[in-house]
N, C-alpha and C. Protein backbone atom coordinates (compact mmCIF):
# COMPACT_ATOMS: atom_id res chain seq x y z
N MET A 1 9.17 76.67 -82.28
CA MET A 1 8.40 77.18 -83.40
C MET A 1 7.13 77.83 -82.86
N THR A 2 6.88 79.04 -83.25
CA THR A 2 5.71 79.75 -82.77
C THR A 2 4.50 79.45 -83.66
N THR A 3 3.36 79.86 -83.17
CA THR A 3 2.13 79.65 -83.94
C THR A 3 2.17 80.43 -85.25
N LYS A 4 2.74 81.61 -85.20
CA LYS A 4 2.83 82.43 -86.41
C LYS A 4 3.66 81.74 -87.48
N GLU A 5 4.75 81.08 -87.08
CA GLU A 5 5.59 80.37 -88.05
C GLU A 5 4.85 79.17 -88.64
N VAL A 6 4.08 78.48 -87.83
CA VAL A 6 3.32 77.32 -88.33
C VAL A 6 2.32 77.77 -89.38
N PHE A 7 1.61 78.86 -89.13
CA PHE A 7 0.65 79.36 -90.10
C PHE A 7 1.34 79.83 -91.38
N HIS A 8 2.52 80.43 -91.26
CA HIS A 8 3.22 80.92 -92.44
C HIS A 8 3.77 79.78 -93.29
N GLU A 9 4.11 78.68 -92.65
CA GLU A 9 4.62 77.53 -93.41
C GLU A 9 3.50 76.78 -94.12
N GLY A 10 2.27 77.02 -93.73
CA GLY A 10 1.15 76.41 -94.42
C GLY A 10 0.69 75.08 -93.86
N LYS A 11 1.35 74.60 -92.81
CA LYS A 11 0.96 73.30 -92.25
C LYS A 11 -0.42 73.37 -91.62
N MET A 12 -0.65 74.41 -90.84
CA MET A 12 -1.93 74.54 -90.19
C MET A 12 -3.01 74.91 -91.20
N GLY A 13 -2.66 75.64 -92.23
CA GLY A 13 -3.63 75.99 -93.25
C GLY A 13 -4.15 74.76 -93.98
N THR A 14 -3.26 73.82 -94.25
CA THR A 14 -3.66 72.57 -94.91
C THR A 14 -4.56 71.75 -94.00
N PHE A 15 -4.18 71.66 -92.72
CA PHE A 15 -5.01 70.92 -91.76
C PHE A 15 -6.40 71.54 -91.65
N THR A 16 -6.44 72.86 -91.53
CA THR A 16 -7.72 73.56 -91.41
C THR A 16 -8.56 73.37 -92.66
N PHE A 17 -7.93 73.38 -93.82
CA PHE A 17 -8.66 73.18 -95.07
C PHE A 17 -9.34 71.81 -95.09
N TYR A 18 -8.60 70.76 -94.75
CA TYR A 18 -9.17 69.41 -94.80
C TYR A 18 -10.18 69.18 -93.67
N LEU A 19 -9.96 69.80 -92.52
CA LEU A 19 -10.94 69.72 -91.44
C LEU A 19 -12.24 70.38 -91.87
N ALA A 20 -12.13 71.55 -92.50
CA ALA A 20 -13.31 72.26 -92.97
C ALA A 20 -14.02 71.48 -94.07
N LEU A 21 -13.27 70.87 -94.96
CA LEU A 21 -13.86 70.06 -96.01
C LEU A 21 -14.62 68.87 -95.42
N GLY A 22 -14.05 68.25 -94.41
CA GLY A 22 -14.74 67.15 -93.71
C GLY A 22 -16.01 67.62 -93.03
N MET A 23 -15.97 68.81 -92.45
CA MET A 23 -17.16 69.37 -91.82
C MET A 23 -18.25 69.64 -92.85
N GLN A 24 -17.85 70.13 -94.02
CA GLN A 24 -18.83 70.38 -95.08
C GLN A 24 -19.47 69.07 -95.54
N LEU A 25 -18.66 68.04 -95.72
CA LEU A 25 -19.20 66.74 -96.16
C LEU A 25 -20.14 66.15 -95.11
N PHE A 26 -19.74 66.27 -93.83
CA PHE A 26 -20.60 65.77 -92.75
C PHE A 26 -21.92 66.52 -92.72
N GLY A 27 -21.87 67.84 -92.83
CA GLY A 27 -23.09 68.64 -92.81
C GLY A 27 -23.99 68.34 -94.00
N PHE A 28 -23.38 68.18 -95.17
CA PHE A 28 -24.15 67.85 -96.37
C PHE A 28 -24.83 66.49 -96.23
N ALA A 29 -24.10 65.52 -95.68
CA ALA A 29 -24.67 64.18 -95.48
C ALA A 29 -25.79 64.21 -94.45
N ALA A 30 -25.64 64.98 -93.39
CA ALA A 30 -26.69 65.06 -92.36
C ALA A 30 -27.96 65.67 -92.93
N VAL A 31 -27.83 66.72 -93.71
CA VAL A 31 -29.00 67.34 -94.32
C VAL A 31 -29.63 66.40 -95.35
N GLY A 32 -28.81 65.68 -96.10
CA GLY A 32 -29.32 64.71 -97.07
C GLY A 32 -30.09 63.58 -96.40
N LEU A 33 -29.57 63.08 -95.29
CA LEU A 33 -30.29 62.03 -94.56
C LEU A 33 -31.60 62.54 -93.99
N CYS A 34 -31.59 63.79 -93.54
CA CYS A 34 -32.82 64.40 -93.03
C CYS A 34 -33.85 64.51 -94.14
N LEU A 35 -33.42 64.94 -95.29
CA LEU A 35 -34.33 65.06 -96.44
C LEU A 35 -34.89 63.70 -96.84
N PHE A 36 -34.03 62.69 -96.91
CA PHE A 36 -34.47 61.34 -97.27
C PHE A 36 -35.46 60.80 -96.25
N SER A 37 -35.18 61.04 -94.96
CA SER A 37 -36.07 60.57 -93.91
C SER A 37 -37.43 61.26 -93.99
N GLY A 38 -37.42 62.54 -94.30
CA GLY A 38 -38.68 63.28 -94.43
C GLY A 38 -39.50 62.83 -95.62
N ILE A 39 -38.81 62.48 -96.70
CA ILE A 39 -39.52 62.03 -97.90
C ILE A 39 -40.15 60.66 -97.66
N THR A 40 -39.42 59.75 -97.02
CA THR A 40 -39.94 58.39 -96.82
C THR A 40 -41.03 58.34 -95.76
N GLN A 41 -40.91 59.16 -94.70
CA GLN A 41 -41.90 59.13 -93.62
C GLN A 41 -43.06 60.08 -93.89
N GLY A 42 -42.84 61.10 -94.68
CA GLY A 42 -43.89 62.04 -95.00
C GLY A 42 -44.06 63.15 -93.98
N ASP A 43 -43.32 63.12 -92.88
CA ASP A 43 -43.43 64.16 -91.87
C ASP A 43 -42.09 64.27 -91.15
N TYR A 44 -41.75 65.49 -90.77
CA TYR A 44 -40.50 65.71 -90.05
C TYR A 44 -40.77 65.73 -88.55
N GLY A 45 -39.97 64.98 -87.81
CA GLY A 45 -40.07 64.98 -86.36
C GLY A 45 -39.04 65.91 -85.75
N LYS A 46 -38.96 65.88 -84.43
CA LYS A 46 -37.99 66.74 -83.74
C LYS A 46 -36.56 66.33 -84.06
N LEU A 47 -36.31 65.05 -84.21
CA LEU A 47 -34.96 64.57 -84.52
C LEU A 47 -34.52 65.05 -85.89
N GLU A 48 -35.40 64.98 -86.86
CA GLU A 48 -35.05 65.44 -88.21
C GLU A 48 -34.82 66.95 -88.24
N LEU A 49 -35.63 67.69 -87.47
CA LEU A 49 -35.45 69.14 -87.40
C LEU A 49 -34.10 69.50 -86.78
N ALA A 50 -33.74 68.83 -85.70
CA ALA A 50 -32.44 69.06 -85.06
C ALA A 50 -31.30 68.67 -86.00
N GLN A 51 -31.48 67.58 -86.71
CA GLN A 51 -30.46 67.11 -87.66
C GLN A 51 -30.30 68.12 -88.79
N LEU A 52 -31.38 68.68 -89.26
CA LEU A 52 -31.33 69.68 -90.32
C LEU A 52 -30.60 70.94 -89.86
N ILE A 53 -30.94 71.42 -88.69
CA ILE A 53 -30.32 72.64 -88.17
C ILE A 53 -28.85 72.42 -87.87
N LEU A 54 -28.51 71.34 -87.20
CA LEU A 54 -27.10 71.08 -86.87
C LEU A 54 -26.27 70.77 -88.11
N GLY A 55 -26.85 70.04 -89.05
CA GLY A 55 -26.14 69.75 -90.29
C GLY A 55 -25.85 71.00 -91.08
N SER A 56 -26.82 71.90 -91.14
CA SER A 56 -26.62 73.17 -91.83
C SER A 56 -25.57 74.01 -91.13
N LEU A 57 -25.62 74.03 -89.81
CA LEU A 57 -24.65 74.80 -89.03
C LEU A 57 -23.23 74.27 -89.24
N VAL A 58 -23.06 72.96 -89.22
CA VAL A 58 -21.73 72.37 -89.43
C VAL A 58 -21.25 72.65 -90.85
N PHE A 59 -22.15 72.56 -91.83
CA PHE A 59 -21.77 72.83 -93.21
C PHE A 59 -21.27 74.27 -93.38
N TYR A 60 -22.03 75.22 -92.86
CA TYR A 60 -21.65 76.62 -93.03
C TYR A 60 -20.43 76.99 -92.19
N LEU A 61 -20.26 76.37 -91.04
CA LEU A 61 -19.05 76.59 -90.26
C LEU A 61 -17.83 76.05 -91.01
N GLY A 62 -17.98 74.90 -91.65
CA GLY A 62 -16.91 74.35 -92.49
C GLY A 62 -16.61 75.25 -93.67
N SER A 63 -17.63 75.84 -94.28
CA SER A 63 -17.42 76.77 -95.38
C SER A 63 -16.64 78.00 -94.92
N TYR A 64 -16.99 78.50 -93.75
CA TYR A 64 -16.28 79.66 -93.21
C TYR A 64 -14.82 79.34 -92.94
N LEU A 65 -14.56 78.19 -92.33
CA LEU A 65 -13.18 77.81 -92.03
C LEU A 65 -12.37 77.57 -93.31
N LYS A 66 -13.01 76.95 -94.29
CA LYS A 66 -12.31 76.68 -95.55
C LYS A 66 -11.94 77.97 -96.26
N ASN A 67 -12.85 78.92 -96.30
CA ASN A 67 -12.55 80.20 -96.92
C ASN A 67 -11.49 80.96 -96.14
N ARG A 68 -11.52 80.85 -94.84
CA ARG A 68 -10.53 81.53 -94.00
C ARG A 68 -9.15 80.92 -94.14
N SER A 69 -9.08 79.60 -94.30
CA SER A 69 -7.78 78.94 -94.40
C SER A 69 -7.12 79.16 -95.76
N SER A 70 -7.92 79.41 -96.78
CA SER A 70 -7.33 79.58 -98.12
C SER A 70 -6.86 81.00 -98.37
N SER A 71 -7.26 81.95 -97.53
CA SER A 71 -6.81 83.33 -97.75
C SER A 71 -5.56 83.65 -96.97
């Protein structure tokens, strides 16, 4: 079975969809934890900044993959 056949059967599309959905949830949770940490501490540190940037990146990468897998 070739890669083209796997994509046409939809098996890889389903996997990519759920992987992307998981990435979106992870990114959303990371940004939410960063926001909560900033509210309780009153100041953002380097860790929170990195968490915000990486969480946003993972979320948007998941959005891109999800949109790509559904088309």
